[in-house]
Amino acid sequence: MISKLPVELKLAVLELSPNLRYANTEFYILYNELFKMKTLHLVGDEPLIKISKLLQFFSSTFEFWNGALTKLYRPDLNWVLIYSLLKNRKIFFQKEDFVIQADQNNIEQELDTEYVHLQDVHAFHYHKIVLLPNGNYNFQVALRNLHSSRGLGTTRFQLNYLDESFTAYPPSVINEILPKSQLSVMNLGEFTINNPEDALTEVEIIIEEIGMYPKCDLIFDYLDFKPINCDYLYYTIPGDPFKEYNKFVNKVEKACHLAIDEIWNHPESPDVSPVDSLESFNEIVDQDDDELHSLKKYSKEFYTKCSRSVKMYYPSDQRHFREKKTGKLLDWRVPLLR
């Protein structure tokens, strides 16, 4: 009987056959423990302790999904979800990561949303380092074409990792493809990280505009490293991001990503927690019970009640496209590994 195997072998079996976690209570708890071990192996204890309050709340926002099963491993976190967050990284654009060859008034950053608005820029250079686990990824960029961006055909998106490099140039007619003023997530292509040490890998992100014509009224929201197969050109979420930004970007998930960036980019401050030093984190964790309940309700609606318009590469694929769901959850929206 498999239930009589040593714990180490049970964990190995769950790694190979994840569906066995539904066999009994022990296996479900062990499956969560397996992903706790994976997360600690990648990140370590100290960085996670710094943002433990935030991760604990993020984990609790998914109690509506498989709520009865969640009770099995309480008071521990949902480590499957936390590990998934590390695999499905979102990098939010910050003004300080850009070098603009123009007057600085041509780039703005809205402090309450942290998206970057390029107004009339001839050349720019963006540089960022992100850490990713091994796996297959789709590299995506969330952006808004307000009026006429003159395309992105001369904008180079490049990733450098290990001894490999990935480069993509978006369609030059992006101003004709993307709906005006709506938030669109464009698929730039696939890449694979295979670190033989099975450790987090530094990925250098470079975005560079080298064309003759300025980029006018273009907003960069975030970069998305999606660990699932995405065969679309782009998708668009209906609505006005200027009026309802929190319907486009989950503020709890965003706070987690910013916290992860902070602890990885500033490891030299072991006694300072991002939750203590950054206002956006305090807005999440320092609230009364009613406000926390409202945030949980907000997250449930965010991950279960939204639609998108998907544009495939080929007409035949467009005709056969059907949106997928995992129970209540929208697969394309939730950072959960399948």
Protein backbone atom coordinates (compact mmCIF):
# COMPACT_ATOMS: atom_id res chain seq x y z
CA MET A 1 0.00 0.00 0.00
CA ILE A 2 1.28 3.46 -0.94
CA SER A 3 0.13 4.87 2.40
CA LYS A 4 2.74 2.70 4.15
CA LEU A 5 5.66 4.18 2.21
CA PRO A 6 8.21 6.41 3.99
CA VAL A 7 7.44 10.14 3.81
CA GLU A 8 10.36 10.77 1.45
CA LEU A 9 8.95 8.29 -1.07
CA LYS A 10 5.44 9.70 -0.72
CA LEU A 11 6.77 13.15 -1.59
CA ALA A 12 8.56 11.71 -4.63
CA VAL A 13 5.36 9.99 -5.76
CA LEU A 14 3.38 13.24 -5.37
CA GLU A 15 5.99 15.02 -7.47
CA LEU A 16 5.35 12.54 -10.28
CA SER A 17 1.57 12.23 -9.80
CA PRO A 18 0.11 15.45 -8.32
CA ASN A 19 -3.49 14.21 -8.54
CA LEU A 20 -2.71 11.71 -5.78
CA ARG A 21 -3.01 14.61 -3.33
CA TYR A 22 -6.77 14.06 -3.43
CA ALA A 23 -6.40 10.44 -2.30
CA ASN A 24 -6.55 11.26 1.41
CA THR A 25 -5.89 13.94 4.02
CA GLU A 26 -2.27 12.95 4.55
CA PHE A 27 -1.42 13.23 0.87
CA TYR A 28 -3.07 16.64 0.56
CA ILE A 29 -1.05 17.97 3.51
CA LEU A 30 2.13 16.38 2.12
CA TYR A 31 1.52 17.98 -1.27
CA ASN A 32 1.42 21.41 0.37
CA GLU A 33 4.57 20.47 2.31
CA LEU A 34 6.28 19.49 -0.95
CA PHE A 35 5.80 22.99 -2.33
CA LYS A 36 6.92 24.53 0.95
CA MET A 37 10.18 22.62 0.52
CA LYS A 38 10.45 23.78 -3.10
CA THR A 39 9.92 27.40 -2.09
CA LEU A 40 12.40 27.31 0.79
CA HIS A 41 14.96 25.62 -1.47
CA LEU A 42 14.70 28.47 -3.96
CA VAL A 43 14.35 31.46 -1.67
CA GLY A 44 15.51 30.52 1.82
CA ASP A 45 14.01 31.26 5.23
CA GLU A 46 15.13 34.84 5.85
CA PRO A 47 13.68 36.49 2.72
CA LEU A 48 10.31 34.80 3.26
CA ILE A 49 10.20 35.86 6.91
CA LYS A 50 10.49 39.49 5.81
CA ILE A 51 7.24 39.35 3.86
CA SER A 52 5.49 36.56 5.76
CA LYS A 53 2.52 38.72 6.80
CA LEU A 54 1.91 39.74 3.21
CA LEU A 55 2.23 36.18 1.85
CA GLN A 56 -0.07 34.91 4.58
CA PHE A 57 -2.76 37.36 3.56
CA PHE A 58 -2.25 36.58 -0.13
CA SER A 59 -2.70 32.90 0.67
CA SER A 60 -5.89 33.66 2.60
CA THR A 61 -7.45 35.48 -0.37
CA PHE A 62 -7.83 32.07 -2.06
CA GLU A 63 -9.72 30.41 0.78
CA PHE A 64 -12.90 30.70 -1.30
CA TRP A 65 -11.33 28.14 -3.64
CA ASN A 66 -11.19 24.63 -2.15
CA GLY A 67 -11.93 26.25 1.20
CA ALA A 68 -12.63 22.96 3.00
CA LEU A 69 -9.31 21.51 1.82
CA THR A 70 -7.48 24.68 2.86
CA LYS A 71 -8.40 23.96 6.48
CA LEU A 72 -6.36 20.76 6.35
CA TYR A 73 -2.99 22.53 6.45
CA ARG A 74 -3.87 25.58 8.54
CA PRO A 75 -2.28 27.56 10.13
CA ASP A 76 0.37 26.97 7.45
CA LEU A 77 0.27 28.84 4.14
CA ASN A 78 -0.94 27.60 0.78
CA TRP A 79 2.58 26.86 -0.45
CA VAL A 80 1.39 25.72 -3.87
CA LEU A 81 0.10 29.25 -4.38
CA ILE A 82 3.26 30.90 -3.02
CA TYR A 83 5.50 28.78 -5.27
CA SER A 84 3.22 29.58 -8.21
CA LEU A 85 3.69 33.28 -7.48
CA LEU A 86 7.47 32.83 -7.78
CA LYS A 87 7.00 31.07 -11.12
CA ASN A 88 4.46 33.57 -12.47
CA ARG A 89 6.38 36.78 -11.84
CA LYS A 90 5.04 40.18 -12.81
CA ILE A 91 7.53 43.04 -13.03
CA PHE A 92 5.87 46.44 -12.71
CA PHE A 93 7.54 49.25 -14.60
CA GLN A 94 9.24 51.94 -12.53
CA LYS A 95 10.44 55.30 -13.81
CA GLU A 96 13.91 54.85 -12.29
CA ASP A 97 14.54 51.79 -14.46
CA PHE A 98 14.35 53.89 -17.66
CA VAL A 99 17.06 55.97 -19.29
CA ILE A 100 15.48 58.47 -21.70
CA GLN A 101 17.37 60.31 -24.42
CA ALA A 102 15.01 63.22 -24.26
CA ASP A 103 13.64 65.77 -21.87
CA GLN A 104 12.61 64.02 -18.63
CA ASN A 105 9.19 65.65 -18.85
CA ASN A 106 8.43 63.17 -21.61
CA ILE A 107 8.10 60.30 -19.16
CA GLU A 108 5.67 60.24 -16.27
CA GLN A 109 4.85 57.78 -13.55
CA GLU A 110 1.54 57.81 -11.78
CA LEU A 111 2.38 57.32 -8.11
CA ASP A 112 -0.87 55.58 -7.22
CA THR A 113 -0.66 53.00 -10.01
CA GLU A 114 3.07 52.87 -10.86
CA TYR A 115 2.62 52.51 -14.58
CA VAL A 116 4.97 54.43 -16.85
CA HIS A 117 3.69 56.84 -19.50
CA LEU A 118 5.99 57.60 -22.46
CA GLN A 119 4.64 60.78 -24.01
CA ASP A 120 6.96 61.68 -26.87
CA VAL A 121 10.19 59.68 -26.64
CA HIS A 122 12.66 59.07 -29.47
CA ALA A 123 14.94 56.65 -27.64
CA PHE A 124 14.90 54.91 -24.29
CA HIS A 125 16.63 52.07 -22.46
CA TYR A 126 15.05 49.91 -19.74
CA HIS A 127 17.07 47.56 -17.56
CA LYS A 128 15.97 45.19 -14.78
CA ILE A 129 17.09 41.94 -13.15
CA VAL A 130 14.53 39.29 -12.19
CA LEU A 131 15.04 35.87 -10.61
CA LEU A 132 13.13 32.91 -12.04
CA PRO A 133 13.04 29.17 -11.25
CA ASN A 134 13.60 26.53 -13.94
CA GLY A 135 10.73 26.09 -16.38
CA ASN A 136 9.09 27.07 -19.66
CA TYR A 137 7.84 30.65 -19.87
CA ASN A 138 5.89 33.00 -22.08
CA PHE A 139 7.30 36.52 -22.03
CA GLN A 140 4.48 39.08 -22.12
CA VAL A 141 4.14 42.84 -21.82
CA ALA A 142 1.05 44.70 -20.60
CA LEU A 143 0.68 48.08 -22.25
CA ARG A 144 -1.77 50.68 -23.47
CA ASN A 145 -1.73 52.43 -26.83
CA LEU A 146 -3.47 55.72 -26.10
CA HIS A 147 -3.40 57.43 -29.48
CA SER A 148 -0.67 56.67 -31.99
CA SER A 149 2.42 54.93 -30.63
CA ARG A 150 3.93 54.65 -34.13
CA GLY A 151 4.35 50.96 -33.46
CA LEU A 152 6.94 49.02 -31.50
CA GLY A 153 8.68 47.39 -34.46
CA THR A 154 11.96 49.15 -33.59
CA THR A 155 11.70 48.37 -29.87
CA ARG A 156 13.91 45.46 -28.81
CA PHE A 157 12.80 43.24 -25.93
CA GLN A 158 15.73 41.10 -24.81
CA LEU A 159 16.31 38.56 -22.04
CA ASN A 160 19.80 37.37 -21.06
CA TYR A 161 20.14 34.36 -18.74
CA LEU A 162 22.79 31.70 -18.15
CA ASP A 163 24.57 31.54 -21.53
CA GLU A 164 21.44 32.18 -23.56
CA SER A 165 19.57 35.15 -24.98
CA PHE A 166 15.99 35.73 -26.13
CA THR A 167 15.07 38.68 -28.37
CA ALA A 168 11.69 39.82 -29.66
CA TYR A 169 10.40 42.74 -31.73
CA PRO A 170 6.64 43.40 -31.48
CA PRO A 171 4.61 44.08 -34.64
CA SER A 172 5.38 47.46 -36.18
CA VAL A 173 1.65 48.08 -36.71
CA ILE A 174 0.82 47.79 -33.04
CA ASN A 175 -1.07 51.08 -33.19
CA GLU A 176 -3.43 49.46 -35.70
CA ILE A 177 -3.68 46.11 -33.91
CA LEU A 178 -4.30 47.06 -30.28
CA PRO A 179 -7.56 48.69 -29.18
CA LYS A 180 -7.00 52.32 -28.20
CA SER A 181 -6.65 53.20 -24.50
CA GLN A 182 -7.35 49.68 -23.25
CA LEU A 183 -4.93 47.51 -21.32
CA SER A 184 -3.60 44.78 -23.61
CA VAL A 185 -1.22 41.94 -22.78
CA MET A 186 0.98 41.08 -25.77
CA ASN A 187 2.71 37.72 -26.13
CA LEU A 188 6.36 38.17 -27.14
CA GLY A 189 7.31 34.49 -27.31
CA GLU A 190 8.56 31.49 -25.35
CA PHE A 191 11.83 30.72 -23.61
CA THR A 192 13.13 28.02 -21.27
CA ILE A 193 15.35 28.21 -18.19
CA ASN A 194 17.27 25.04 -17.38
CA ASN A 195 19.68 25.78 -14.57
CA PRO A 196 21.60 22.58 -13.74
CA GLU A 197 21.84 23.70 -10.10
CA ASP A 198 18.03 23.91 -9.88
CA ALA A 199 18.36 27.36 -8.32
CA LEU A 200 16.88 30.76 -9.06
CA THR A 201 18.38 32.16 -12.26
CA GLU A 202 19.17 35.81 -12.87
CA VAL A 203 17.36 37.05 -15.95
CA GLU A 204 18.49 40.40 -17.33
CA ILE A 205 15.66 42.33 -18.99
CA ILE A 206 16.55 44.94 -21.61
CA ILE A 207 14.00 47.00 -23.52
CA GLU A 208 15.50 49.46 -25.98
CA GLU A 209 14.01 51.81 -28.52
CA ILE A 210 16.36 52.61 -31.38
CA GLY A 211 14.00 53.86 -34.09
CA MET A 212 13.78 57.21 -35.86
CA TYR A 213 10.23 58.03 -34.83
CA PRO A 214 9.08 58.93 -31.32
CA LYS A 215 6.81 56.74 -29.25
CA CYS A 216 3.77 58.88 -28.51
CA ASP A 217 1.35 58.30 -25.65
CA LEU A 218 2.38 54.74 -24.87
CA ILE A 219 1.87 53.33 -21.38
CA PHE A 220 3.89 50.39 -20.04
CA ASP A 221 2.12 48.64 -17.14
CA TYR A 222 4.05 45.45 -16.38
CA LEU A 223 5.99 42.47 -17.72
CA ASP A 224 4.49 39.02 -17.19
CA PHE A 225 6.45 35.76 -17.11
CA LYS A 226 3.71 33.19 -17.63
CA PRO A 227 4.67 29.54 -16.99
CA ILE A 228 1.95 28.15 -19.28
CA ASN A 229 1.52 27.80 -23.02
CA CYS A 230 0.10 30.99 -24.54
CA ASP A 231 -0.54 30.77 -28.28
CA TYR A 232 -2.33 34.10 -28.72
CA LEU A 233 -0.99 37.35 -30.14
CA TYR A 234 -2.55 39.42 -27.37
CA TYR A 235 -5.58 39.76 -25.16
CA THR A 236 -7.43 42.88 -24.04
CA ILE A 237 -9.44 43.46 -20.88
CA PRO A 238 -12.49 45.69 -21.44
CA GLY A 239 -12.94 48.84 -19.40
CA ASP A 240 -11.06 52.01 -18.54
CA PRO A 241 -7.77 51.38 -16.66
CA PHE A 242 -7.56 55.04 -15.68
CA LYS A 243 -10.82 54.83 -13.73
CA GLU A 244 -10.74 51.21 -12.51
CA TYR A 245 -7.08 50.21 -12.36
CA ASN A 246 -7.64 47.64 -9.61
CA LYS A 247 -9.86 45.65 -11.98
CA PHE A 248 -6.86 45.18 -14.27
CA VAL A 249 -4.11 44.62 -11.69
CA ASN A 250 -4.77 42.78 -8.43
CA LYS A 251 -3.43 45.06 -5.71
CA VAL A 252 -2.67 42.22 -3.26
CA GLU A 253 -0.77 40.24 -5.89
CA LYS A 254 1.04 43.39 -6.99
CA ALA A 255 2.14 44.15 -3.43
CA CYS A 256 3.59 40.62 -3.23
CA HIS A 257 5.56 41.06 -6.46
CA LEU A 258 6.95 44.42 -5.31
CA ALA A 259 7.91 42.86 -1.98
CA ILE A 260 9.68 39.97 -3.72
CA ASP A 261 11.61 42.47 -5.86
CA GLU A 262 12.57 44.41 -2.74
CA ILE A 263 13.95 41.46 -0.77
CA TRP A 264 15.88 40.12 -3.77
CA ASN A 265 17.24 43.47 -4.94
CA HIS A 266 18.21 44.71 -1.46
CA PRO A 267 19.39 41.67 0.51
CA GLU A 268 21.94 43.83 2.35
CA SER A 269 19.25 45.10 4.76
CA PRO A 270 18.42 41.99 6.81
CA ASP A 271 16.68 43.86 9.63
CA VAL A 272 14.40 45.98 7.45
CA SER A 273 11.21 44.42 6.18
CA PRO A 274 9.67 45.73 2.94
CA VAL A 275 6.34 45.66 4.78
CA ASP A 276 7.80 48.20 7.23
CA SER A 277 9.48 50.39 4.62
CA LEU A 278 7.11 50.57 1.67
CA GLU A 279 3.71 52.19 1.87
CA SER A 280 2.01 49.89 -0.64
CA PHE A 281 2.64 46.88 1.62
CA ASN A 282 1.28 48.63 4.71
CA GLU A 283 -1.91 49.39 2.82
CA ILE A 284 -2.50 45.65 2.53
CA VAL A 285 -1.47 44.25 5.91
CA ASP A 286 -2.31 47.12 8.29
CA GLN A 287 -6.09 47.09 8.03
CA ASP A 288 -8.94 46.17 10.34
CA ASP A 289 -11.03 43.01 9.93
CA ASP A 290 -13.75 44.66 7.83
CA GLU A 291 -11.20 46.08 5.39
CA LEU A 292 -9.41 42.74 5.13
CA HIS A 293 -12.74 41.03 4.46
CA SER A 294 -13.41 43.54 1.66
CA LEU A 295 -9.99 42.80 0.15
CA LYS A 296 -10.71 39.07 0.18
CA LYS A 297 -14.05 39.70 -1.53
CA TYR A 298 -12.28 41.91 -4.08
CA SER A 299 -9.71 39.18 -4.83
CA LYS A 300 -12.40 36.55 -5.28
CA GLU A 301 -14.20 38.71 -7.85
CA PHE A 302 -10.89 39.56 -9.54
CA TYR A 303 -9.97 35.91 -10.13
CA THR A 304 -13.45 34.60 -10.98
CA LYS A 305 -15.49 37.37 -12.63
CA CYS A 306 -13.73 38.92 -15.58
CA SER A 307 -13.73 38.58 -19.35
CA ARG A 308 -11.15 39.28 -22.00
CA SER A 309 -10.99 39.61 -25.76
CA VAL A 310 -8.36 37.27 -27.22
CA LYS A 311 -6.68 37.78 -30.58
CA MET A 312 -5.05 34.65 -31.97
CA TYR A 313 -2.31 34.59 -34.62
CA TYR A 314 -4.38 32.71 -37.19
CA PRO A 315 -8.10 32.86 -38.10
CA SER A 316 -8.47 29.09 -37.76
CA ASP A 317 -7.17 29.25 -34.17
CA GLN A 318 -9.50 32.16 -33.46
CA ARG A 319 -12.54 30.10 -34.45
CA HIS A 320 -11.58 27.24 -32.15
CA PHE A 321 -10.53 29.33 -29.15
CA ARG A 322 -12.40 28.56 -25.92
CA GLU A 323 -11.65 30.12 -22.54
CA LYS A 324 -10.50 27.62 -19.89
CA LYS A 325 -11.43 27.55 -16.22
CA THR A 326 -10.21 25.53 -13.25
CA GLY A 327 -13.38 25.29 -11.23
CA LYS A 328 -14.27 28.84 -10.24
CA LEU A 329 -10.86 30.24 -11.20
CA LEU A 330 -9.99 31.93 -14.49
CA ASP A 331 -6.85 30.11 -15.69
CA TRP A 332 -5.47 33.13 -17.52
CA ARG A 333 -5.78 35.41 -14.51
CA VAL A 334 -4.77 33.44 -11.43
CA PRO A 335 -1.08 32.78 -10.63
CA LEU A 336 -1.60 29.08 -9.98
CA LEU A 337 0.37 26.26 -11.57
CA ARG A 338 -1.63 23.57 -13.38
